[in-house]
């Protein structure tokens, strides 16, 4: 019985320690590993190749946060090679829940996410100071705080609208 307990203690101590892993391709992971060889735990993951462990093309991306079964899960920060950055909640490798997205041009979105898209209430503060606050659906702004629907039109659309002339 003592041997089993000691073995479990040693194994759990090994997996709870911080590790640094570097693949032949240069992909790096620095952090805690839980559940043995499956990438679960928390740490910093930097992709130097075109494929990350979750199978997606993430060349040059960096993730710092929690993992479960090789997927970003829990709280974390995902940084793109171009400087854009998402900080918030992840579920099964996707932006899910509350998060803040910082664009390299200075714009910031703070709000709800679902399957990597803005969904629900959120506030976009653009780099020029313009603020869009309201409901978002599939990355598009739909309803402002007054309950007004947002309709976007192009110059082509406007050609077909005839102004009313007073009689």
N, C-alpha and C. Protein backbone atom coordinates (compact mmCIF):
# COMPACT_ATOMS: atom_id res chain seq x y z
N UNK A 1 0.83 -1.20 0.00
CA UNK A 1 0.00 0.00 0.00
C UNK A 1 0.87 1.25 0.00
N UNK A 2 1.97 1.25 0.78
CA UNK A 2 2.85 2.42 0.84
C UNK A 2 3.48 2.70 -0.52
N UNK A 3 3.86 1.64 -1.24
CA UNK A 3 4.49 1.82 -2.56
C UNK A 3 3.52 2.49 -3.53
N UNK A 4 2.26 2.11 -3.49
CA UNK A 4 1.27 2.71 -4.39
C UNK A 4 1.08 4.18 -4.07
N UNK A 5 0.98 4.53 -2.81
CA UNK A 5 0.79 5.92 -2.40
C UNK A 5 2.01 6.75 -2.79
N UNK A 6 3.21 6.23 -2.55
CA UNK A 6 4.43 6.95 -2.91
C UNK A 6 4.50 7.14 -4.42
N UNK A 7 4.17 6.11 -5.19
CA UNK A 7 4.18 6.21 -6.65
C UNK A 7 3.20 7.27 -7.13
N UNK A 8 2.01 7.29 -6.57
CA UNK A 8 1.03 8.30 -6.96
C UNK A 8 1.51 9.70 -6.61
N UNK A 9 2.15 9.86 -5.46
CA UNK A 9 2.67 11.15 -5.04
C UNK A 9 3.76 11.61 -6.01
N UNK A 10 4.67 10.71 -6.37
CA UNK A 10 5.76 11.05 -7.29
C UNK A 10 5.19 11.43 -8.66
N UNK A 11 4.26 10.63 -9.18
CA UNK A 11 3.66 10.93 -10.48
C UNK A 11 2.93 12.26 -10.46
N UNK A 12 2.14 12.51 -9.43
CA UNK A 12 1.41 13.78 -9.38
C UNK A 12 2.36 14.95 -9.22
N UNK A 13 3.48 14.76 -8.53
CA UNK A 13 4.47 15.82 -8.38
C UNK A 13 5.12 16.15 -9.72
N UNK A 14 5.41 15.11 -10.51
CA UNK A 14 6.02 15.33 -11.82
C UNK A 14 5.08 16.12 -12.72
N UNK A 15 3.82 15.73 -12.77
CA UNK A 15 2.87 16.38 -13.67
C UNK A 15 2.48 17.77 -13.21
N UNK A 16 2.58 18.05 -11.92
CA UNK A 16 2.20 19.37 -11.41
C UNK A 16 3.31 20.39 -11.57
N UNK A 17 4.53 19.93 -11.88
CA UNK A 17 5.65 20.85 -12.03
C UNK A 17 5.59 21.54 -13.38
N UNK A 18 6.30 22.67 -13.45
CA UNK A 18 6.37 23.38 -14.73
C UNK A 18 7.36 22.66 -15.64
N UNK A 19 7.00 22.62 -16.92
CA UNK A 19 7.84 21.97 -17.93
C UNK A 19 8.05 22.92 -19.09
N UNK A 20 9.13 22.70 -19.82
CA UNK A 20 9.35 23.39 -21.08
C UNK A 20 9.51 22.33 -22.15
N UNK A 21 8.68 22.40 -23.17
CA UNK A 21 8.73 21.44 -24.26
C UNK A 21 8.95 22.20 -25.56
N UNK A 22 9.89 21.74 -26.36
CA UNK A 22 10.14 22.35 -27.67
C UNK A 22 10.16 21.23 -28.70
N UNK A 23 9.32 21.35 -29.72
CA UNK A 23 9.28 20.31 -30.76
C UNK A 23 10.41 20.55 -31.76
N UNK A 24 10.63 19.59 -32.63
CA UNK A 24 11.65 19.71 -33.67
C UNK A 24 11.36 20.91 -34.56
N UNK A 25 10.09 21.22 -34.77
CA UNK A 25 9.70 22.33 -35.64
C UNK A 25 9.82 23.69 -34.96
N UNK A 26 10.08 23.71 -33.64
CA UNK A 26 10.23 24.97 -32.93
C UNK A 26 9.02 25.41 -32.12
N UNK A 27 7.91 24.68 -32.21
CA UNK A 27 6.74 24.99 -31.40
C UNK A 27 7.11 24.80 -29.94
N UNK A 28 6.71 25.75 -29.08
CA UNK A 28 7.12 25.72 -27.66
C UNK A 28 5.92 25.68 -26.74
N UNK A 29 6.10 24.98 -25.60
CA UNK A 29 5.12 25.01 -24.52
C UNK A 29 5.90 25.13 -23.22
N UNK A 30 5.51 26.09 -22.39
CA UNK A 30 6.13 26.26 -21.08
C UNK A 30 5.01 26.38 -20.06
N UNK A 31 4.94 25.44 -19.13
CA UNK A 31 3.90 25.51 -18.11
C UNK A 31 3.65 24.19 -17.44
N UNK A 32 2.51 24.08 -16.80
CA UNK A 32 2.14 22.88 -16.06
C UNK A 32 1.45 21.88 -16.99
N UNK A 33 1.73 20.60 -16.73
CA UNK A 33 1.06 19.53 -17.47
C UNK A 33 0.28 18.70 -16.48
N UNK A 34 -1.00 18.52 -16.76
CA UNK A 34 -1.87 17.69 -15.94
C UNK A 34 -2.36 16.57 -16.84
N UNK A 35 -2.61 15.41 -16.32
CA UNK A 35 -3.11 14.25 -17.09
C UNK A 35 -2.04 13.66 -18.00
N UNK A 36 -0.81 13.64 -17.55
CA UNK A 36 0.24 12.96 -18.30
C UNK A 36 0.62 13.65 -19.58
N UNK A 37 0.65 12.89 -20.67
CA UNK A 37 1.13 13.43 -21.93
C UNK A 37 0.10 14.27 -22.67
N UNK A 38 -1.16 14.21 -22.27
CA UNK A 38 -2.15 15.08 -22.92
C UNK A 38 -1.86 16.51 -22.50
N UNK A 39 -1.97 17.43 -23.42
CA UNK A 39 -1.68 18.83 -23.11
C UNK A 39 -2.85 19.43 -22.33
N UNK A 40 -2.86 19.21 -21.04
CA UNK A 40 -3.85 19.82 -20.17
C UNK A 40 -3.10 20.52 -19.06
N UNK A 41 -3.59 21.65 -18.62
CA UNK A 41 -2.93 22.41 -17.57
C UNK A 41 -2.99 23.87 -17.90
N UNK A 42 -1.91 24.59 -17.62
CA UNK A 42 -1.85 26.00 -17.96
C UNK A 42 -0.43 26.36 -18.30
N UNK A 43 -0.26 27.32 -19.20
CA UNK A 43 1.08 27.72 -19.58
C UNK A 43 1.06 28.59 -20.82
N UNK A 44 2.22 28.71 -21.45
CA UNK A 44 2.39 29.53 -22.64
C UNK A 44 2.68 28.60 -23.81
N UNK A 45 1.93 28.76 -24.89
CA UNK A 45 2.05 27.91 -26.06
C UNK A 45 2.34 28.81 -27.26
N UNK A 46 3.49 28.63 -27.91
CA UNK A 46 3.87 29.44 -29.06
C UNK A 46 4.04 28.52 -30.27
N UNK A 47 3.33 28.80 -31.35
CA UNK A 47 3.37 27.95 -32.54
C UNK A 47 4.37 28.51 -33.54
N UNK A 48 5.34 27.69 -33.93
CA UNK A 48 6.34 28.08 -34.92
C UNK A 48 6.12 27.36 -36.24
N UNK A 49 5.17 26.43 -36.27
CA UNK A 49 4.85 25.69 -37.49
C UNK A 49 3.45 26.08 -37.94
N UNK A 50 2.96 25.42 -38.95
CA UNK A 50 1.62 25.73 -39.44
C UNK A 50 0.52 24.95 -38.76
N UNK A 51 0.84 23.97 -37.93
CA UNK A 51 -0.20 23.19 -37.26
C UNK A 51 0.06 23.14 -35.76
N UNK A 52 -0.95 23.49 -34.97
CA UNK A 52 -0.86 23.37 -33.52
C UNK A 52 -1.47 22.03 -33.12
N UNK A 53 -1.34 21.61 -31.85
CA UNK A 53 -1.87 20.31 -31.44
C UNK A 53 -3.36 20.14 -31.67
N UNK A 54 -4.13 21.24 -31.74
CA UNK A 54 -5.57 21.09 -31.98
C UNK A 54 -5.89 20.95 -33.47
N UNK A 55 -4.85 20.90 -34.32
CA UNK A 55 -5.05 20.66 -35.75
C UNK A 55 -5.29 21.90 -36.58
N UNK A 56 -5.38 23.08 -35.96
CA UNK A 56 -5.65 24.31 -36.70
C UNK A 56 -4.34 24.95 -37.15
N UNK A 57 -4.41 25.71 -38.24
CA UNK A 57 -3.25 26.44 -38.74
C UNK A 57 -3.08 27.68 -37.88
N UNK A 58 -2.07 27.70 -37.04
CA UNK A 58 -1.87 28.81 -36.11
C UNK A 58 -0.43 29.33 -36.18
N UNK A 59 0.14 29.41 -37.37
CA UNK A 59 1.53 29.81 -37.54
C UNK A 59 1.80 31.17 -36.89
N UNK A 60 2.78 31.22 -36.01
CA UNK A 60 3.19 32.46 -35.39
C UNK A 60 2.31 32.96 -34.27
N UNK A 61 1.31 32.21 -33.87
CA UNK A 61 0.39 32.63 -32.83
C UNK A 61 0.95 32.27 -31.46
N UNK A 62 0.44 32.95 -30.44
CA UNK A 62 0.87 32.67 -29.07
C UNK A 62 -0.38 32.59 -28.19
N UNK A 63 -0.43 31.58 -27.34
CA UNK A 63 -1.53 31.42 -26.39
C UNK A 63 -0.95 31.27 -25.00
N UNK A 64 -1.48 32.05 -24.07
CA UNK A 64 -1.08 31.94 -22.67
C UNK A 64 -2.34 31.74 -21.86
N UNK A 65 -2.45 30.57 -21.21
CA UNK A 65 -3.65 30.31 -20.44
C UNK A 65 -3.85 28.84 -20.14
N UNK A 66 -5.11 28.47 -19.97
CA UNK A 66 -5.46 27.12 -19.54
C UNK A 66 -5.80 26.23 -20.74
N UNK A 67 -5.48 24.93 -20.61
CA UNK A 67 -5.75 23.93 -21.64
C UNK A 67 -6.55 22.79 -21.03
N UNK A 68 -7.33 22.13 -21.84
CA UNK A 68 -7.93 20.85 -21.46
C UNK A 68 -7.89 19.99 -22.72
N UNK A 69 -7.23 18.84 -22.64
CA UNK A 69 -7.19 17.92 -23.77
C UNK A 69 -6.72 18.53 -25.06
N UNK A 70 -5.61 19.28 -25.03
CA UNK A 70 -5.01 19.91 -26.21
C UNK A 70 -5.81 21.07 -26.79
N UNK A 71 -6.81 21.55 -26.07
CA UNK A 71 -7.59 22.69 -26.56
C UNK A 71 -7.53 23.82 -25.55
N UNK A 72 -7.56 25.06 -26.05
CA UNK A 72 -7.60 26.22 -25.18
C UNK A 72 -8.94 26.17 -24.46
N UNK A 73 -8.91 26.17 -23.13
CA UNK A 73 -10.15 26.00 -22.37
C UNK A 73 -9.97 26.67 -21.01
N UNK A 74 -10.85 27.61 -20.68
CA UNK A 74 -10.72 28.38 -19.45
C UNK A 74 -10.33 29.80 -19.80
N UNK A 75 -9.56 30.43 -18.95
CA UNK A 75 -9.12 31.81 -19.19
C UNK A 75 -7.79 31.82 -19.92
N UNK A 76 -7.64 32.78 -20.84
CA UNK A 76 -6.38 32.87 -21.55
C UNK A 76 -6.28 34.09 -22.43
N UNK A 77 -5.11 34.23 -23.05
CA UNK A 77 -4.84 35.32 -23.98
C UNK A 77 -4.28 34.71 -25.26
N UNK A 78 -4.89 35.05 -26.39
CA UNK A 78 -4.47 34.55 -27.69
C UNK A 78 -3.97 35.74 -28.49
N UNK A 79 -2.71 35.71 -28.91
CA UNK A 79 -2.10 36.82 -29.64
C UNK A 79 -1.81 36.39 -31.07
N UNK A 80 -2.27 37.18 -32.03
CA UNK A 80 -2.05 36.91 -33.44
C UNK A 80 -0.71 37.49 -33.88
N UNK A 81 -0.12 36.97 -34.97
CA UNK A 81 1.16 37.50 -35.45
C UNK A 81 1.09 38.99 -35.83
N UNK A 82 -0.10 39.48 -36.24
CA UNK A 82 -0.22 40.89 -36.64
C UNK A 82 -0.38 41.85 -35.46
N UNK A 83 -0.44 41.32 -34.22
CA UNK A 83 -0.56 42.17 -33.04
C UNK A 83 -1.95 42.21 -32.43
N UNK A 84 -2.98 41.76 -33.13
CA UNK A 84 -4.32 41.67 -32.53
C UNK A 84 -4.27 40.68 -31.38
N UNK A 85 -5.12 40.91 -30.35
CA UNK A 85 -5.07 40.05 -29.16
C UNK A 85 -6.45 39.89 -28.55
N UNK A 86 -6.78 38.65 -28.18
CA UNK A 86 -8.03 38.34 -27.47
C UNK A 86 -7.67 37.87 -26.07
N UNK A 87 -8.31 38.47 -25.05
CA UNK A 87 -8.14 38.05 -23.67
C UNK A 87 -9.52 37.75 -23.12
N UNK A 88 -9.69 36.53 -22.63
CA UNK A 88 -11.01 36.19 -22.10
C UNK A 88 -11.20 34.70 -21.92
N UNK A 89 -12.45 34.29 -22.09
CA UNK A 89 -12.82 32.90 -21.85
C UNK A 89 -12.75 32.09 -23.15
N UNK A 90 -12.30 30.83 -23.00
CA UNK A 90 -12.22 29.89 -24.11
C UNK A 90 -13.00 28.64 -23.73
N UNK A 91 -13.57 28.00 -24.74
CA UNK A 91 -14.22 26.71 -24.53
C UNK A 91 -13.94 25.86 -25.77
N UNK A 92 -13.36 24.70 -25.56
CA UNK A 92 -13.03 23.79 -26.68
C UNK A 92 -12.24 24.48 -27.79
N UNK A 93 -11.29 25.33 -27.40
CA UNK A 93 -10.41 25.96 -28.37
C UNK A 93 -10.97 27.20 -29.05
N UNK A 94 -12.12 27.70 -28.62
CA UNK A 94 -12.76 28.85 -29.27
C UNK A 94 -13.05 29.96 -28.28
N UNK A 95 -13.16 31.20 -28.81
CA UNK A 95 -13.58 32.32 -27.97
C UNK A 95 -15.02 32.04 -27.56
N UNK A 96 -15.27 31.98 -26.27
CA UNK A 96 -16.60 31.62 -25.79
C UNK A 96 -16.81 32.27 -24.43
N UNK A 97 -17.86 33.10 -24.30
CA UNK A 97 -18.12 33.80 -23.05
C UNK A 97 -17.65 35.24 -23.16
N UNK A 98 -17.28 35.83 -22.03
CA UNK A 98 -16.84 37.23 -22.04
C UNK A 98 -15.39 37.31 -22.50
N UNK A 99 -15.11 38.30 -23.35
CA UNK A 99 -13.74 38.50 -23.79
C UNK A 99 -13.52 39.90 -24.30
N UNK A 100 -12.26 40.27 -24.38
CA UNK A 100 -11.87 41.59 -24.89
C UNK A 100 -10.90 41.38 -26.04
N UNK A 101 -11.21 42.01 -27.17
CA UNK A 101 -10.39 41.87 -28.38
C UNK A 101 -9.75 43.22 -28.67
N UNK A 102 -8.42 43.24 -28.69
CA UNK A 102 -7.66 44.46 -28.93
C UNK A 102 -7.07 44.40 -30.34
N UNK A 103 -7.49 45.34 -31.18
CA UNK A 103 -7.00 45.40 -32.55
C UNK A 103 -5.72 46.22 -32.58
N UNK A 104 -4.82 45.90 -33.51
CA UNK A 104 -3.55 46.62 -33.56
C UNK A 104 -3.74 48.09 -33.94
N UNK A 105 -4.90 48.44 -34.55
CA UNK A 105 -5.16 49.83 -34.92
C UNK A 105 -5.66 50.67 -33.74
N UNK A 106 -5.83 50.04 -32.55
CA UNK A 106 -6.26 50.77 -31.37
C UNK A 106 -7.73 50.55 -30.99
N UNK A 107 -8.52 49.95 -31.87
CA UNK A 107 -9.92 49.64 -31.55
C UNK A 107 -9.98 48.52 -30.53
N UNK A 108 -11.06 48.52 -29.70
CA UNK A 108 -11.23 47.49 -28.67
C UNK A 108 -12.69 47.06 -28.63
N UNK A 109 -12.92 45.74 -28.62
CA UNK A 109 -14.27 45.21 -28.41
C UNK A 109 -14.29 44.50 -27.07
N UNK A 110 -15.28 44.84 -26.22
CA UNK A 110 -15.46 44.18 -24.93
C UNK A 110 -16.88 43.66 -24.88
N UNK A 111 -17.01 42.34 -24.74
CA UNK A 111 -18.36 41.79 -24.71
C UNK A 111 -18.39 40.28 -24.82
N UNK A 112 -19.55 39.78 -25.24
CA UNK A 112 -19.81 38.34 -25.29
C UNK A 112 -19.38 37.75 -26.63
N UNK A 113 -18.86 36.51 -26.56
CA UNK A 113 -18.40 35.78 -27.73
C UNK A 113 -19.03 34.40 -27.75
N UNK A 114 -19.24 33.87 -28.94
CA UNK A 114 -19.72 32.51 -29.11
C UNK A 114 -19.11 31.96 -30.40
N UNK A 115 -18.42 30.84 -30.31
CA UNK A 115 -17.78 30.21 -31.47
C UNK A 115 -16.92 31.19 -32.26
N UNK A 116 -16.05 31.94 -31.56
CA UNK A 116 -15.09 32.87 -32.15
C UNK A 116 -15.72 34.12 -32.76
N UNK A 117 -16.99 34.36 -32.54
CA UNK A 117 -17.65 35.54 -33.11
C UNK A 117 -18.33 36.36 -32.02
N UNK A 118 -18.43 37.68 -32.26
CA UNK A 118 -19.14 38.55 -31.33
C UNK A 118 -20.61 38.14 -31.34
N UNK A 119 -21.15 37.78 -30.18
CA UNK A 119 -22.55 37.36 -30.07
C UNK A 119 -23.08 37.79 -28.71
N UNK A 120 -24.10 38.63 -28.71
CA UNK A 120 -24.64 39.13 -27.46
C UNK A 120 -24.25 40.57 -27.26
N UNK A 121 -24.36 41.05 -26.03
CA UNK A 121 -24.08 42.45 -25.74
C UNK A 121 -22.58 42.72 -25.79
N UNK A 122 -22.22 43.84 -26.41
CA UNK A 122 -20.82 44.22 -26.47
C UNK A 122 -20.65 45.68 -26.84
N UNK A 123 -19.46 46.19 -26.56
CA UNK A 123 -19.12 47.58 -26.87
C UNK A 123 -17.85 47.59 -27.70
N UNK A 124 -17.94 48.20 -28.89
CA UNK A 124 -16.78 48.38 -29.74
C UNK A 124 -16.39 49.84 -29.67
N UNK A 125 -15.19 50.11 -29.20
CA UNK A 125 -14.66 51.47 -29.19
C UNK A 125 -13.61 51.52 -30.28
N UNK A 126 -13.91 52.28 -31.34
CA UNK A 126 -13.00 52.35 -32.48
C UNK A 126 -11.85 53.30 -32.17
N UNK A 127 -10.78 53.17 -32.93
CA UNK A 127 -9.59 53.98 -32.70
C UNK A 127 -9.86 55.47 -32.86
N UNK A 128 -10.90 55.85 -33.63
CA UNK A 128 -11.24 57.26 -33.80
C UNK A 128 -12.16 57.79 -32.70
N UNK A 129 -12.50 56.92 -31.71
CA UNK A 129 -13.36 57.33 -30.61
C UNK A 129 -14.83 56.97 -30.78
N UNK A 130 -15.23 56.54 -31.98
CA UNK A 130 -16.61 56.12 -32.23
C UNK A 130 -16.93 54.89 -31.38
N UNK A 131 -18.13 54.89 -30.77
CA UNK A 131 -18.53 53.76 -29.92
C UNK A 131 -19.79 53.13 -30.48
N UNK A 132 -19.77 51.81 -30.62
CA UNK A 132 -20.96 51.03 -30.99
C UNK A 132 -21.26 50.14 -29.81
N UNK A 133 -22.41 50.37 -29.18
CA UNK A 133 -22.79 49.63 -27.99
C UNK A 133 -24.15 49.00 -28.22
N UNK A 134 -24.25 47.69 -28.04
CA UNK A 134 -25.53 47.02 -28.24
C UNK A 134 -25.37 45.54 -28.47
N UNK A 135 -26.30 44.97 -29.24
CA UNK A 135 -26.33 43.53 -29.48
C UNK A 135 -25.61 43.19 -30.78
N UNK A 136 -24.78 42.17 -30.72
CA UNK A 136 -24.03 41.67 -31.87
C UNK A 136 -24.50 40.26 -32.17
N UNK A 137 -24.50 39.91 -33.45
CA UNK A 137 -24.85 38.54 -33.84
C UNK A 137 -23.93 38.12 -34.97
N UNK A 138 -23.23 37.01 -34.79
CA UNK A 138 -22.30 36.46 -35.79
C UNK A 138 -21.32 37.53 -36.29
N UNK A 139 -20.77 38.31 -35.38
CA UNK A 139 -19.77 39.35 -35.66
C UNK A 139 -20.35 40.65 -36.23
N UNK A 140 -21.66 40.76 -36.38
CA UNK A 140 -22.26 41.97 -36.93
C UNK A 140 -23.08 42.70 -35.87
N UNK A 141 -22.98 44.04 -35.89
CA UNK A 141 -23.73 44.88 -34.97
C UNK A 141 -25.18 44.91 -35.42
N UNK A 142 -26.12 44.54 -34.54
CA UNK A 142 -27.52 44.40 -34.92
C UNK A 142 -28.46 45.43 -34.28
N UNK A 143 -28.38 45.61 -32.97
CA UNK A 143 -29.34 46.46 -32.27
C UNK A 143 -28.59 47.36 -31.29
N UNK A 144 -28.86 48.69 -31.37
CA UNK A 144 -28.18 49.60 -30.45
C UNK A 144 -28.91 49.62 -29.10
N UNK A 145 -28.39 50.40 -28.15
CA UNK A 145 -28.96 50.42 -26.80
C UNK A 145 -30.38 50.96 -26.75
N UNK A 146 -30.79 51.72 -27.75
CA UNK A 146 -32.16 52.26 -27.80
C UNK A 146 -33.15 51.24 -28.34
N UNK A 147 -32.65 50.10 -28.78
CA UNK A 147 -33.52 49.07 -29.35
C UNK A 147 -33.73 49.23 -30.85
N UNK A 148 -32.99 50.16 -31.46
CA UNK A 148 -33.11 50.38 -32.90
C UNK A 148 -32.27 49.36 -33.66
N UNK A 149 -32.85 48.81 -34.72
CA UNK A 149 -32.10 47.89 -35.58
C UNK A 149 -31.10 48.68 -36.39
N UNK A 150 -30.00 48.08 -36.68
CA UNK A 150 -28.97 48.73 -37.47
C UNK A 150 -29.01 48.14 -38.87
N UNK A 151 -29.20 49.01 -39.86
CA UNK A 151 -29.23 48.57 -41.25
C UNK A 151 -28.07 49.24 -41.96
N UNK A 152 -27.24 48.46 -42.59
CA UNK A 152 -26.11 49.01 -43.33
C UNK A 152 -26.46 49.00 -44.80
N UNK A 153 -26.12 50.07 -45.50
CA UNK A 153 -26.40 50.10 -46.93
C UNK A 153 -25.18 50.66 -47.67
N UNK A 154 -25.10 50.32 -48.93
CA UNK A 154 -24.01 50.79 -49.77
C UNK A 154 -24.52 51.91 -50.66
N UNK A 155 -23.63 52.56 -51.39
CA UNK A 155 -24.04 53.60 -52.33
C UNK A 155 -24.97 53.02 -53.39
N UNK A 156 -24.71 51.78 -53.79
CA UNK A 156 -25.57 51.11 -54.78
C UNK A 156 -27.00 50.99 -54.25
N UNK A 157 -27.14 50.63 -52.96
CA UNK A 157 -28.47 50.52 -52.36
C UNK A 157 -29.20 51.86 -52.38
N UNK A 158 -28.47 52.93 -52.13
CA UNK A 158 -29.08 54.26 -52.02
C UNK A 158 -29.60 54.78 -53.36
N UNK A 159 -29.09 54.29 -54.49
CA UNK A 159 -29.56 54.72 -55.81
C UNK A 159 -31.04 54.43 -56.00
N UNK A 160 -31.52 53.39 -55.36
CA UNK A 160 -32.90 52.94 -55.57
C UNK A 160 -33.89 53.56 -54.60
N UNK A 161 -33.43 54.42 -53.72
CA UNK A 161 -34.34 55.09 -52.78
C UNK A 161 -34.70 56.45 -53.36
N UNK A 162 -35.98 56.67 -53.63
CA UNK A 162 -36.42 57.95 -54.19
C UNK A 162 -36.89 58.85 -53.05
N UNK A 163 -36.38 60.07 -52.98
CA UNK A 163 -36.83 60.97 -51.92
C UNK A 163 -38.28 61.41 -52.16
N UNK A 164 -39.01 61.64 -51.08
CA UNK A 164 -40.39 62.13 -51.18
C UNK A 164 -40.35 63.65 -51.36
N UNK A 165 -41.13 64.13 -52.33
CA UNK A 165 -41.19 65.56 -52.57
C UNK A 165 -42.47 66.12 -51.96
N UNK A 166 -42.39 67.29 -51.33
CA UNK A 166 -43.62 67.87 -50.77
C UNK A 166 -44.60 68.22 -51.89
N UNK A 167 -45.88 68.03 -51.64
CA UNK A 167 -46.92 68.28 -52.66
C UNK A 167 -47.31 69.72 -52.72
